[in-house]
C-alpha atoms as a PDB file:
ATOM      1  CA  MET A   1      93.100  87.449  12.268  1.00  0.00           C
ATOM      2  CA  THR A   2      94.691  90.315  13.772  1.00  0.00           C
ATOM      3  CA  ARG A   3      91.427  91.444  13.941  1.00  0.00           C
ATOM      4  CA  GLN A   4      90.286  88.121  16.056  1.00  0.00           C
ATOM      5  CA  ARG A   5      93.037  88.346  18.184  1.00  0.00           C
ATOM      6  CA  LEU A   6      92.835  92.112  19.058  1.00  0.00           C
ATOM      7  CA  ARG A   7      89.162  91.728  20.480  1.00  0.00           C
ATOM      8  CA  PHE A   8      90.454  88.662  22.242  1.00  0.00           C
ATOM      9  CA  ALA A   9      93.178  90.608  23.997  1.00  0.00           C
ATOM     10  CA  LEU A  10      90.734  93.288  25.167  1.00  0.00           C
ATOM     11  CA  LEU A  11      88.300  90.679  26.259  1.00  0.00           C
ATOM     12  CA  ILE A  12      91.341  89.192  28.741  1.00  0.00           C
ATOM     13  CA  THR A  13      92.185  92.609  29.609  1.00  0.00           C
ATOM     14  CA  VAL A  14      88.153  93.525  30.963  1.00  0.00           C
ATOM     15  CA  LEU A  15      87.844  90.819  32.507  1.00  0.00           C
ATOM     16  CA  ALA A  16      91.267  90.782  34.522  1.00  0.00           C
ATOM     17  CA  VAL A  17      90.032  94.347  35.514  1.00  0.00           C
ATOM     18  CA  THR A  18      86.891  93.327  36.140  1.00  0.00           C
ATOM     19  CA  GLY A  19      88.182  90.658  38.549  1.00  0.00           C
ATOM     20  CA  LEU A  20      90.531  92.927  40.110  1.00  0.00           C
ATOM     21  CA  ALA A  21      87.812  95.188  40.972  1.00  0.00           C
ATOM     22  CA  ARG A  22      85.532  93.016  42.370  1.00  0.00           C
ATOM     23  CA  ALA A  23      88.395  91.317  44.482  1.00  0.00           C
ATOM     24  CA  GLN A  24      89.066  94.266  46.126  1.00  0.00           C
ATOM     25  CA  SER A  25      85.458  94.970  46.483  1.00  0.00           C
ATOM     26  CA  ASP A  26      85.296  91.800  48.582  1.00  0.00           C
ATOM     27  CA  ALA A  27      88.014  92.137  50.915  1.00  0.00           C
ATOM     28  CA  ALA A  28      86.535  93.134  53.947  1.00  0.00           C
ATOM     29  CA  PRO A  29      87.460  97.031  54.937  1.00  0.00           C
ATOM     30  CA  VAL A  30      89.012  97.208  58.933  1.00  0.00           C
ATOM     31  CA  ARG A  31      91.557  99.029  60.906  1.00  0.00           C
ATOM     32  CA  LEU A  32      93.804  98.116  62.316  1.00  0.00           C
ATOM     33  CA  SER A  33      95.647  98.787  65.942  1.00  0.00           C
ATOM     34  CA  GLY A  34      99.473  97.607  67.223  1.00  0.00           C
ATOM     35  CA  VAL A  35     100.426  95.773  70.026  1.00  0.00           C
ATOM     36  CA  GLU A  36     101.645  97.219  72.959  1.00  0.00           C
ATOM     37  CA  THR A  37     102.638  95.968  76.047  1.00  0.00           C
ATOM     38  CA  GLY A  38     101.940  97.380  79.760  1.00  0.00           C
ATOM     39  CA  GLU A  39     101.436  96.391  83.318  1.00  0.00           C
ATOM     40  CA  ALA A  40      99.023  94.666  85.542  1.00  0.00           C
ATOM     41  CA  VAL A  41      98.114  96.785  88.037  1.00  0.00           C
ATOM     42  CA  THR A  42      96.885  95.542  91.317  1.00  0.00           C
ATOM     43  CA  ARG A  43      94.871  98.909  93.211  1.00  0.00           C
ATOM     44  CA  LEU A  44      94.858  97.730  96.878  1.00  0.00           C
ATOM     45  CA  GLU A  45      92.423  99.999  99.339  1.00  0.00           C
ATOM     46  CA  ALA A  46      91.932 100.485 102.803  1.00  0.00           C
ATOM     47  CA  VAL A  47      90.758 101.912 105.953  1.00  0.00           C
ATOM     48  CA  GLY A  48      93.388 103.062 108.398  1.00  0.00           C
ATOM     49  CA  GLU A  49      93.177 105.285 112.020  1.00  0.00           C
ATOM     50  CA  SER A  50      95.429 108.402 112.694  1.00  0.00           C
ATOM     51  CA  ARG A  51      97.749 108.814 115.195  1.00  0.00           C
ATOM     52  CA  ALA A  52      99.657 111.656 116.528  1.00  0.00           C
ATOM     53  CA  GLN A  53     104.025 110.977 116.138  1.00  0.00           C
ATOM     54  CA  ARG A  54     103.814 111.322 119.720  1.00  0.00           C
ATOM     55  CA  SER A  55     100.679 110.950 121.940  1.00  0.00           C
ATOM     56  CA  VAL A  56     100.618 110.272 125.834  1.00  0.00           C
ATOM     57  CA  THR A  57      97.777 110.322 128.578  1.00  0.00           C
ATOM     58  CA  LEU A  58      99.627 113.148 131.685  1.00  0.00           C
ATOM     59  CA  TYR A  59      99.434 111.584 135.124  1.00  0.00           C
ATOM     60  CA  PRO A  60     100.299 113.532 138.632  1.00  0.00           C
ATOM     61  CA  GLU A  61     103.363 112.431 139.482  1.00  0.00           C
ATOM     62  CA  SER A  62     102.849 112.086 143.509  1.00  0.00           C
ATOM     63  CA  THR A  63      99.067 112.439 145.378  1.00  0.00           C
ATOM     64  CA  GLY A  64      98.082 115.664 146.650  1.00  0.00           C
ATOM     65  CA  ILE A  65      95.387 118.926 145.938  1.00  0.00           C
ATOM     66  CA  VAL A  66      95.580 120.742 142.721  1.00  0.00           C
ATOM     67  CA  THR A  67      96.327 124.206 143.544  1.00  0.00           C
ATOM     68  CA  ALA A  68      96.273 125.675 139.863  1.00  0.00           C
ATOM     69  CA  ILE A  69      95.747 124.666 136.228  1.00  0.00           C
ATOM     70  CA  GLU A  70      97.511 126.416 133.527  1.00  0.00           C
ATOM     71  CA  PHE A  71      96.383 124.891 130.315  1.00  0.00           C
ATOM     72  CA  ASP A  72      92.586 124.708 128.727  1.00  0.00           C
ATOM     73  CA  ALA A  73      91.527 122.524 126.013  1.00  0.00           C
ATOM     74  CA  GLY A  74      93.348 122.364 122.117  1.00  0.00           C
ATOM     75  CA  ASP A  75      96.421 125.040 123.772  1.00  0.00           C
ATOM     76  CA  SER A  76      99.948 124.931 122.367  1.00  0.00           C
ATOM     77  CA  VAL A  77     102.105 123.909 124.716  1.00  0.00           C
ATOM     78  CA  ASN A  78     106.073 123.634 124.884  1.00  0.00           C
ATOM     79  CA  ALA A  79     107.962 121.607 126.446  1.00  0.00           C
ATOM     80  CA  GLY A  80     108.892 122.007 129.713  1.00  0.00           C
ATOM     81  CA  GLU A  81     106.117 124.282 130.603  1.00  0.00           C
ATOM     82  CA  THR A  82     103.698 124.138 133.625  1.00  0.00           C
ATOM     83  CA  LEU A  83     100.386 121.794 133.255  1.00  0.00           C
ATOM     84  CA  ILE A  84      99.311 121.704 136.694  1.00  0.00           C
ATOM     85  CA  THR A  85     100.099 122.597 140.168  1.00  0.00           C
ATOM     86  CA  LEU A  86     100.057 120.550 143.452  1.00  0.00           C
ATOM     87  CA  ASP A  87     100.085 122.052 146.962  1.00  0.00           C
ATOM     88  CA  ALA A  88     103.381 122.102 148.141  1.00  0.00           C
ATOM     89  CA  GLU A  89     104.519 122.965 151.338  1.00  0.00           C
ATOM     90  CA  ALA A  90     105.411 120.171 152.809  1.00  0.00           C
ATOM     91  CA  GLU A  91     107.836 119.524 150.589  1.00  0.00           C
ATOM     92  CA  ARG A  92     108.822 123.287 150.708  1.00  0.00           C
ATOM     93  CA  ASN A  93     109.782 122.149 153.922  1.00  0.00           C
ATOM     94  CA  GLU A  94     111.830 118.851 153.492  1.00  0.00           C
ATOM     95  CA  VAL A  95     113.949 121.289 150.894  1.00  0.00           C
ATOM     96  CA  ALA A  96     114.646 123.936 153.282  1.00  0.00           C
ATOM     97  CA  ARG A  97     115.439 121.168 156.268  1.00  0.00           C
ATOM     98  CA  THR A  98     117.866 118.796 154.216  1.00  0.00           C
ATOM     99  CA  ARG A  99     119.841 121.917 152.523  1.00  0.00           C
ATOM    100  CA  ALA A 100     120.341 123.173 156.674  1.00  0.00           C
ATOM    101  CA  GLU A 101     121.731 119.510 157.155  1.00  0.00           C
ATOM    102  CA  LEU A 102     123.586 119.541 154.108  1.00  0.00           C
ATOM    103  CA  ARG A 103     125.329 122.973 155.787  1.00  0.00           C
ATOM    104  CA  ASP A 104     125.702 121.612 159.245  1.00  0.00           C
ATOM    105  CA  ALA A 105     127.607 118.442 157.575  1.00  0.00           C
ATOM    106  CA  ARG A 106     129.731 120.466 155.373  1.00  0.00           C
ATOM    107  CA  ARG A 107     130.842 122.910 158.437  1.00  0.00           C
ATOM    108  CA  ARG A 108     131.463 120.170 160.188  1.00  0.00           C
ATOM    109  CA  LEU A 109     133.819 118.160 157.911  1.00  0.00           C
ATOM    110  CA  ALA A 110     135.324 121.266 157.548  1.00  0.00           C
ATOM    111  CA  ARG A 111     136.557 121.161 161.034  1.00  0.00           C
ATOM    112  CA  TYR A 112     137.481 117.808 161.317  1.00  0.00           C
ATOM    113  CA  GLU A 113     139.883 117.738 158.030  1.00  0.00           C
ATOM    114  CA  PRO A 114     142.250 120.670 159.087  1.00  0.00           C
ATOM    115  CA  GLY A 115     143.144 117.734 162.170  1.00  0.00           C
ATOM    116  CA  ILE A 116     143.569 114.817 159.931  1.00  0.00           C
ATOM    117  CA  ASP A 117     147.824 115.468 159.616  1.00  0.00           C
ATOM    118  CA  ASP A 118     148.063 115.922 163.529  1.00  0.00           C
ATOM    119  CA  GLY A 119     145.921 113.240 164.601  1.00  0.00           C
ATOM    120  CA  THR A 120     143.731 115.083 166.299  1.00  0.00           C
ATOM    121  CA  PHE A 121     140.203 113.540 164.686  1.00  0.00           C
ATOM    122  CA  SER A 122     140.343 109.751 163.987  1.00  0.00           C
ATOM    123  CA  PRO A 123     140.083 108.662 159.984  1.00  0.00           C
ATOM    124  CA  THR A 124     137.149 106.592 161.418  1.00  0.00           C
ATOM    125  CA  THR A 125     135.625 109.921 162.207  1.00  0.00           C
ATOM    126  CA  ILE A 126     136.591 111.869 159.386  1.00  0.00           C
ATOM    127  CA  ASP A 127     135.008 109.187 157.247  1.00  0.00           C
ATOM    128  CA  ASP A 128     131.754 109.534 158.918  1.00  0.00           C
ATOM    129  CA  ALA A 129     132.027 113.304 158.507  1.00  0.00           C
ATOM    130  CA  ARG A 130     132.354 112.726 155.182  1.00  0.00           C
ATOM    131  CA  ARG A 131     129.583 110.194 155.057  1.00  0.00           C
ATOM    132  CA  ALA A 132     127.442 112.611 156.980  1.00  0.00           C
ATOM    133  CA  VAL A 133     127.498 115.349 154.245  1.00  0.00           C
ATOM    134  CA  GLU A 134     127.069 112.487 151.303  1.00  0.00           C
ATOM    135  CA  LEU A 135     123.727 111.860 153.034  1.00  0.00           C
ATOM    136  CA  ALA A 136     122.844 115.006 153.766  1.00  0.00           C
ATOM    137  CA  ARG A 137     123.182 116.098 150.157  1.00  0.00           C
ATOM    138  CA  LEU A 138     121.078 113.068 148.624  1.00  0.00           C
ATOM    139  CA  ALA A 139     118.762 113.956 151.354  1.00  0.00           C
ATOM    140  CA  LEU A 140     118.456 117.076 149.611  1.00  0.00           C
ATOM    141  CA  GLU A 141     118.020 115.845 145.994  1.00  0.00           C
ATOM    142  CA  ARG A 142     115.098 113.982 147.358  1.00  0.00           C
ATOM    143  CA  ALA A 143     113.106 116.397 148.815  1.00  0.00           C
ATOM    144  CA  ARG A 144     113.220 118.927 145.363  1.00  0.00           C
ATOM    145  CA  ILE A 145     112.646 115.936 143.228  1.00  0.00           C
ATOM    146  CA  GLU A 146     109.454 115.509 145.732  1.00  0.00           C
ATOM    147  CA  ARG A 147     109.045 119.743 145.374  1.00  0.00           C
ATOM    148  CA  ASP A 148     109.400 119.659 141.988  1.00  0.00           C
ATOM    149  CA  ASP A 149     106.697 116.075 141.364  1.00  0.00           C
ATOM    150  CA  ARG A 150     103.843 118.611 142.439  1.00  0.00           C
ATOM    151  CA  ARG A 151     104.220 120.312 139.516  1.00  0.00           C
ATOM    152  CA  ARG A 152     103.428 117.825 136.169  1.00  0.00           C
ATOM    153  CA  LEU A 153     105.297 119.819 132.718  1.00  0.00           C
ATOM    154  CA  ALA A 154     105.022 119.418 129.075  1.00  0.00           C
ATOM    155  CA  PRO A 155     107.080 116.365 128.007  1.00  0.00           C
ATOM    156  CA  PHE A 156     107.340 117.289 124.610  1.00  0.00           C
ATOM    157  CA  ASP A 157     106.135 120.551 122.312  1.00  0.00           C
ATOM    158  CA  GLY A 158     102.001 119.398 121.579  1.00  0.00           C
ATOM    159  CA  HIS A 159      98.439 119.988 121.760  1.00  0.00           C
ATOM    160  CA  THR A 160      96.220 119.489 125.181  1.00  0.00           C
ATOM    161  CA  GLY A 161      93.539 118.055 125.470  1.00  0.00           C
ATOM    162  CA  MET A 162      90.009 118.518 127.701  1.00  0.00           C
ATOM    163  CA  THR A 163      90.712 117.639 131.826  1.00  0.00           C
ATOM    164  CA  ASP A 164      87.728 116.105 133.468  1.00  0.00           C
ATOM    165  CA  ILE A 165      90.095 117.899 136.871  1.00  0.00           C
ATOM    166  CA  GLU A 166      89.535 121.033 139.179  1.00  0.00           C
ATOM    167  CA  VAL A 167      91.560 123.286 141.648  1.00  0.00           C
ATOM    168  CA  GLY A 168      90.683 122.075 145.024  1.00  0.00           C
ATOM    169  CA  GLN A 169      90.669 118.224 143.730  1.00  0.00           C
ATOM    170  CA  ARG A 170      92.573 115.482 145.341  1.00  0.00           C
ATOM    171  CA  VAL A 171      94.556 113.619 142.788  1.00  0.00           C
ATOM    172  CA  ASP A 172      96.584 110.618 142.871  1.00  0.00           C
ATOM    173  CA  PRO A 173      99.255 108.996 140.074  1.00  0.00           C
ATOM    174  CA  ASP A 174      95.985 107.081 138.645  1.00  0.00           C
ATOM    175  CA  THR A 175      94.526 110.430 137.998  1.00  0.00           C
ATOM    176  CA  ALA A 176      94.231 111.232 134.642  1.00  0.00           C
ATOM    177  CA  ILE A 177      95.356 114.955 134.062  1.00  0.00           C
ATOM    178  CA  THR A 178      95.117 115.192 129.906  1.00  0.00           C
ATOM    179  CA  THR A 179      96.304 114.000 126.830  1.00  0.00           C
ATOM    180  CA  MET A 180      99.182 116.110 124.888  1.00  0.00           C
ATOM    181  CA  ASP A 181      99.803 115.375 120.902  1.00  0.00           C
ATOM    182  CA  ASP A 182     102.445 116.487 119.106  1.00  0.00           C
ATOM    183  CA  ARG A 183     100.330 116.422 115.645  1.00  0.00           C
ATOM    184  CA  THR A 184     103.187 118.209 113.288  1.00  0.00           C
ATOM    185  CA  ALA A 185     102.996 114.705 111.514  1.00  0.00           C
ATOM    186  CA  LEU A 186     100.413 111.627 111.302  1.00  0.00           C
ATOM    187  CA  THR A 187     100.646 107.952 111.565  1.00  0.00           C
ATOM    188  CA  VAL A 188      97.850 106.043 109.754  1.00  0.00           C
ATOM    189  CA  ARG A 189      97.288 101.974 110.543  1.00  0.00           C
ATOM    190  CA  PHE A 190      95.191 100.134 108.587  1.00  0.00           C
ATOM    191  CA  ARG A 191      96.018  96.034 107.307  1.00  0.00           C
ATOM    192  CA  LEU A 192      96.312  94.438 103.739  1.00  0.00           C
ATOM    193  CA  ALA A 193      95.250  91.132 103.193  1.00  0.00           C
ATOM    194  CA  GLY A 194      98.210  88.259 104.138  1.00  0.00           C
ATOM    195  CA  GLN A 195      98.875  87.586 100.188  1.00  0.00           C
ATOM    196  CA  TYR A 196     100.887  90.921 100.023  1.00  0.00           C
ATOM    197  CA  LEU A 197     103.058  90.552 102.413  1.00  0.00           C
ATOM    198  CA  GLY A 198     106.252  91.455 101.014  1.00  0.00           C
ATOM    199  CA  GLN A 199     104.942  93.695  98.036  1.00  0.00           C
ATOM    200  CA  LEU A 200     105.267  97.111 100.603  1.00  0.00           C
ATOM    201  CA  ALA A 201     108.476  98.050 102.152  1.00  0.00           C
ATOM    202  CA  PRO A 202     109.015 100.969 104.047  1.00  0.00           C
ATOM    203  CA  GLY A 203     109.231 104.125 101.704  1.00  0.00           C
ATOM    204  CA  ASP A 204     106.955 103.065  99.348  1.00  0.00           C
ATOM    205  CA  ASN A 205     104.206 105.939  98.988  1.00  0.00           C
ATOM    206  CA  VAL A 206     100.534 105.861  98.985  1.00  0.00           C
ATOM    207  CA  THR A 207      97.482 107.901  98.581  1.00  0.00           C
ATOM    208  CA  LEU A 208      95.459 109.311 101.922  1.00  0.00           C
ATOM    209  CA  SER A 209      92.572 110.882 102.034  1.00  0.00           C
ATOM    210  CA  ALA A 210      90.231 111.908 105.150  1.00  0.00           C
ATOM    211  CA  TRP A 211      86.928 110.416 105.355  1.00  0.00           C
ATOM    212  CA  ALA A 212      86.103 114.326 106.964  1.00  0.00           C
ATOM    213  CA  HIS A 213      87.840 116.246 103.503  1.00  0.00           C
ATOM    214  CA  PRO A 214      87.607 113.623 100.484  1.00  0.00           C
ATOM    215  CA  GLN A 215      89.317 115.992  98.436  1.00  0.00           C
ATOM    216  CA  ALA A 216      91.629 116.482 100.303  1.00  0.00           C
ATOM    217  CA  ALA A 217      94.326 113.855  99.432  1.00  0.00           C
ATOM    218  CA  VAL A 218      98.040 113.655 100.234  1.00  0.00           C
ATOM    219  CA  THR A 219     101.180 111.432  99.872  1.00  0.00           C
ATOM    220  CA  GLY A 220     101.942 109.266 102.572  1.00  0.00           C
ATOM    221  CA  THR A 221     105.307 107.058 103.094  1.00  0.00           C
ATOM    222  CA  ILE A 222     105.074 103.646 104.636  1.00  0.00           C
ATOM    223  CA  GLN A 223     107.530 103.377 108.105  1.00  0.00           C
ATOM    224  CA  ARG A 224     106.587  99.903 109.405  1.00  0.00           C
ATOM    225  CA  VAL A 225     105.252  96.786 107.809  1.00  0.00           C
ATOM    226  CA  ASP A 226     104.597  93.645 109.962  1.00  0.00           C
ATOM    227  CA  SER A 227     106.174  90.641 110.217  1.00  0.00           C
ATOM    228  CA  ARG A 228     103.458  88.312 110.372  1.00  0.00           C
ATOM    229  CA  ILE A 229     100.159  87.679 109.202  1.00  0.00           C
ATOM    230  CA  ASP A 230      96.940  87.668 111.836  1.00  0.00           C
ATOM    231  CA  THR A 231      95.710  84.356 112.023  1.00  0.00           C
ATOM    232  CA  ALA A 232      92.279  85.475 112.739  1.00  0.00           C
ATOM    233  CA  SER A 233      92.073  88.042 110.228  1.00  0.00           C
ATOM    234  CA  GLY A 234      94.443  86.557 107.564  1.00  0.00           C
ATOM    235  CA  THR A 235      95.642  90.092 107.730  1.00  0.00           C
ATOM    236  CA  PHE A 236      99.152  92.471 108.724  1.00  0.00           C
ATOM    237  CA  ARG A 237      98.952  95.653 109.653  1.00  0.00           C
ATOM    238  CA  VAL A 238     100.928  98.750 107.988  1.00  0.00           C
ATOM    239  CA  GLU A 239     101.795 102.056 109.076  1.00  0.00           C
ATOM    240  CA  ALA A 240     102.510 105.405 106.824  1.00  0.00           C
ATOM    241  CA  ARG A 241     103.448 108.667 107.828  1.00  0.00           C
ATOM    242  CA  ILE A 242     101.768 112.083 106.313  1.00  0.00           C
ATOM    243  CA  GLY A 243     103.117 115.136 107.285  1.00  0.00           C
ATOM    244  CA  ASN A 244     100.472 117.681 108.977  1.00  0.00           C
ATOM    245  CA  GLN A 245     102.225 121.081 109.444  1.00  0.00           C
ATOM    246  CA  ARG A 246      98.352 122.703 107.890  1.00  0.00           C
ATOM    247  CA  ASP A 247      97.205 121.252 110.994  1.00  0.00           C
ATOM    248  CA  ARG A 248      94.049 119.960 108.846  1.00  0.00           C
ATOM    249  CA  PHE A 249      94.056 116.536 110.370  1.00  0.00           C
ATOM    250  CA  ARG A 250      93.265 114.855 113.799  1.00  0.00           C
ATOM    251  CA  PRO A 251      94.587 112.073 115.559  1.00  0.00           C
ATOM    252  CA  GLY A 252      91.949 109.718 115.124  1.00  0.00           C
ATOM    253  CA  MET A 253      90.325 110.198 111.935  1.00  0.00           C
ATOM    254  CA  ARG A 254      89.843 107.472 109.613  1.00  0.00           C
ATOM    255  CA  PHE A 255      91.452 107.555 105.996  1.00  0.00           C
ATOM    256  CA  ARG A 256      91.054 106.003 102.782  1.00  0.00           C
ATOM    257  CA  VAL A 257      94.361 104.437 101.250  1.00  0.00           C
ATOM    258  CA  SER A 258      95.268 103.385  98.188  1.00  0.00           C
ATOM    259  CA  THR A 259      98.359 102.227  96.081  1.00  0.00           C
ATOM    260  CA  GLU A 260      98.753 100.696  93.171  1.00  0.00           C
ATOM    261  CA  LEU A 261     100.757  97.295  93.228  1.00  0.00           C
ATOM    262  CA  ALA A 262     102.850  96.733  89.844  1.00  0.00           C
ATOM    263  CA  GLY A 263     102.652  93.490  87.895  1.00  0.00           C
ATOM    264  CA  PRO A 264     104.346  91.163  85.159  1.00  0.00           C
ATOM    265  CA  THR A 265     103.536  92.820  81.705  1.00  0.00           C
ATOM    266  CA  TYR A 266     101.026  91.532  79.160  1.00  0.00           C
ATOM    267  CA  PRO A 267     100.076  92.598  75.111  1.00  0.00           C
ATOM    268  CA  ARG A 268      97.797  95.661  75.593  1.00  0.00           C
ATOM    269  CA  ILE A 269      95.288  96.075  72.447  1.00  0.00           C
ATOM    270  CA  PRO A 270      92.524  98.066  72.251  1.00  0.00           C
ATOM    271  CA  ALA A 271      88.718  97.071  74.226  1.00  0.00           C
ATOM    272  CA  THR A 272      87.163  97.421  70.645  1.00  0.00           C
ATOM    273  CA  SER A 273      89.598  94.433  69.292  1.00  0.00           C
ATOM    274  CA  LEU A 274      88.234  91.845  72.165  1.00  0.00           C
ATOM    275  CA  GLN A 275      85.467  90.013  70.854  1.00  0.00           C
ATOM    276  CA  TRP A 276      83.503  86.809  73.168  1.00  0.00           C
ATOM    277  CA  GLY A 277      82.906  83.519  71.876  1.00  0.00           C
ATOM    278  CA  ASP A 278      81.551  80.103  73.014  1.00  0.00           C
ATOM    279  CA  ASN A 279      85.115  79.144  74.306  1.00  0.00           C
ATOM    280  CA  GLY A 280      85.606  82.491  75.660  1.00  0.00           C
ATOM    281  CA  PRO A 281      87.414  85.653  74.172  1.00  0.00           C
ATOM    282  CA  TYR A 282      89.519  85.896  71.250  1.00  0.00           C
ATOM    283  CA  ILE A 283      90.750  88.531  68.963  1.00  0.00           C
ATOM    284  CA  TRP A 284      91.522  89.037  65.293  1.00  0.00           C
ATOM    285  CA  VAL A 285      95.120  89.430  64.479  1.00  0.00           C
ATOM    286  CA  VAL A 286      96.138  90.099  60.382  1.00  0.00           C
ATOM    287  CA  ARG A 287      99.058  87.984  59.558  1.00  0.00           C
ATOM    288  CA  ASP A 288     100.183  87.938  55.629  1.00  0.00           C
ATOM    289  CA  GLY A 289      97.560  90.104  54.516  1.00  0.00           C
ATOM    290  CA  ARG A 290      94.709  87.403  56.062  1.00  0.00           C
ATOM    291  CA  ALA A 291      92.811  87.441  59.019  1.00  0.00           C
ATOM    292  CA  GLU A 292      93.144  84.684  61.761  1.00  0.00           C
ATOM    293  CA  ARG A 293      90.997  84.136  64.849  1.00  0.00           C
ATOM    294  CA  LEU A 294      93.488  83.839  68.194  1.00  0.00           C
ATOM    295  CA  GLY A 295      92.035  82.852  71.170  1.00  0.00           C
ATOM    296  CA  VAL A 296      93.253  84.904  74.037  1.00  0.00           C
ATOM    297  CA  SER A 297      92.688  85.393  78.144  1.00  0.00           C
ATOM    298  CA  LEU A 298      91.443  88.649  79.121  1.00  0.00           C
ATOM    299  CA  ILE A 299      94.060  89.769  82.341  1.00  0.00           C
ATOM    300  CA  ALA A 300      92.845  93.488  83.006  1.00  0.00           C
ATOM    301  CA  ARG A 301      91.303  96.356  81.991  1.00  0.00           C
ATOM    302  CA  GLN A 302      92.857  99.700  81.253  1.00  0.00           C
ATOM    303  CA  SER A 303      90.329 102.023  80.105  1.00  0.00           C
ATOM    304  CA  ASP A 304      89.544 102.470  76.417  1.00  0.00           C
ATOM    305  CA  HIS A 305      92.188  99.052  76.391  1.00  0.00           C
ATOM    306  CA  VAL A 306      92.901  95.747  77.389  1.00  0.00           C
ATOM    307  CA  LEU A 307      95.850  93.030  78.738  1.00  0.00           C
ATOM    308  CA  VAL A 308      95.305  89.728  76.723  1.00  0.00           C
ATOM    309  CA  GLU A 309      97.624  86.930  77.508  1.00  0.00           C
ATOM    310  CA  GLY A 310      98.136  84.628  74.105  1.00  0.00           C
ATOM    311  CA  GLU A 311     100.555  84.106  70.953  1.00  0.00           C
ATOM    312  CA  LEU A 312     100.586  87.709  70.031  1.00  0.00           C
ATOM    313  CA  ASP A 313     103.815  89.580  69.474  1.00  0.00           C
ATOM    314  CA  THR A 314     104.639  92.894  69.925  1.00  0.00           C
ATOM    315  CA  ASP A 315     104.759  92.600  65.936  1.00  0.00           C
ATOM    316  CA  ASP A 316     101.384  91.570  65.264  1.00  0.00           C
ATOM    317  CA  SER A 317      98.227  93.900  64.107  1.00  0.00           C
ATOM    318  CA  VAL A 318      94.994  93.183  65.375  1.00  0.00           C
ATOM    319  CA  VAL A 319      91.569  94.721  64.261  1.00  0.00           C
ATOM    320  CA  SER A 320      90.184  97.268  65.743  1.00  0.00           C
ATOM    321  CA  GLU A 321      87.220  97.968  63.656  1.00  0.00           C
ATOM    322  CA  GLY A 322      85.520  95.494  61.325  1.00  0.00           C
ATOM    323  CA  ALA A 323      85.748  92.385  63.499  1.00  0.00           C
ATOM    324  CA  GLN A 324      82.725  91.391  62.914  1.00  0.00           C
ATOM    325  CA  ARG A 325      83.373  90.695  59.147  1.00  0.00           C
ATOM    326  CA  MET A 326      86.152  88.588  59.813  1.00  0.00           C
ATOM    327  CA  ARG A 327      85.869  85.077  58.780  1.00  0.00           C
ATOM    328  CA  PRO A 328      89.363  82.780  59.260  1.00  0.00           C
ATOM    329  CA  GLY A 329      91.756  82.749  55.928  1.00  0.00           C
ATOM    330  CA  ILE A 330      89.122  85.666  54.169  1.00  0.00           C
ATOM    331  CA  GLU A 331      91.841  88.924  53.126  1.00  0.00           C
ATOM    332  CA  VAL A 332      91.342  92.242  54.625  1.00  0.00           C
ATOM    333  CA  ARG A 333      91.769  95.632  52.909  1.00  0.00           C
ATOM    334  CA  VAL A 334      92.926  98.149  55.839  1.00  0.00           C
ATOM    335  CA  ILE A 335      91.297 101.223  55.738  1.00  0.00           C
ATOM    336  CA  ASP A 336      93.109 104.940  56.780  1.00  0.00           C
ATOM    337  CA  PRO A 337      90.227 106.727  59.476  1.00  0.00           C
ATOM    338  CA  ALA A 338      92.301 110.176  57.562  1.00  0.00           C
ATOM    339  CA  GLU A 339      90.841 109.108  54.131  1.00  0.00           C
ATOM    340  CA  LEU A 340      86.809 108.512  55.835  1.00  0.00           C
ATOM    341  CA  ASP A 341      83.919 110.979  54.504  1.00  0.00           C
ATOM    342  CA  ASP A 342      83.970 113.974  57.070  1.00  0.00           C
ATOM    343  CA  TYR A 343      80.437 114.330  57.210  1.00  0.00           C
ATOM    344  CA  PRO A 344      80.081 117.884  58.775  1.00  0.00           C
ATOM    345  CA  ALA A 345      77.543 118.289  61.469  1.00  0.00           C
ATOM    346  CA  LEU A 346      74.074 119.628  60.314  1.00  0.00           C
ATOM    347  CA  GLU A 347      73.511 123.237  61.499  1.00  0.00           C
ATOM    348  CA  ALA A 348      70.704 124.029  63.073  1.00  0.00           C
ATOM    349  CA  THR A 349      67.946 127.403  61.872  1.00  0.00           C
ATOM    350  CA  ARG A 350      65.993 129.424  63.111  1.00  0.00           C
ATOM    351  CA  ASP A 351      62.678 131.479  61.947  1.00  0.00           C
ATOM    352  CA  ALA A 352      63.342 134.857  62.722  1.00  0.00           C
ATOM    353  CA  PRO A 353      60.838 136.689  64.878  1.00  0.00           C
ATOM    354  CA  ALA A 354      58.296 138.249  63.443  1.00  0.00           C
ATOM    355  CA  GLN A 355      58.413 141.716  63.329  1.00  0.00           C
END
């Protein structure tokens, strides 16, 4: 009787061990990954055109014959330097004449003023003399302005452009002399879709790369954002400023502008976890050791990860490898990648050359 009981106990033990081994072999081997959080980033791209931070087209202040051109295209000039000179003989003579009149008026007033107290000259005569001095002074000042207007000066430090005028040519205030740019910094104006109005503000950074120098990307700072959306195009204007101390860029260059806008956060999982079915994307999560299918919405792809929306928590574990073996409710066996067999690469051999 004791021997029969012993045999029965051994049989039960063997069956239990066999069942456990079979159960372990039937469990689906999977690799799990944790759930992170990530931001849905919107990348904006636009094309902009650069302008000098200060740029003007210069015209003569008066009409006359050009007697000297003091610059060439591309010259760096300082504020106050003379660019062109017009004939000014008549204006110099007018300055000399009005200076003489002012001198005479002051002498006359100097003779009249001592006679105020003794009544030699009436107050009216004295007032007329003083008025004559003031009028002569104003006439001299006007003559000097007209003489100075025969030269066109650089309004600020910068670079001159090309000119079509020649010495001996008659010009007037409507004749363009040249352009002048202060390009130590540039502004790049571009347009964005109206839906992004309010998401960019002065002080934000953008990345710019000139079409002429695609590898030389620079960081620009937004200076101004338009306050309205153009009804015809549905866009609004933005201006960004970039430094140009090395003088690599020129006004009129086109730039590729790009920036990223951070959005709401979503669960972030490996891209290999995302599966597709008849009802759209889904993933497999393991809860209490069993597989569970969970429908999700794909928000964005980020390299080898994806952002999804669904009933997913950061405490969950998703199946990142072995999803093809999953069925709802089955048990899973987690595989540690460090325990997988490491198959060495085959070494290529080469016959030694014949001697």
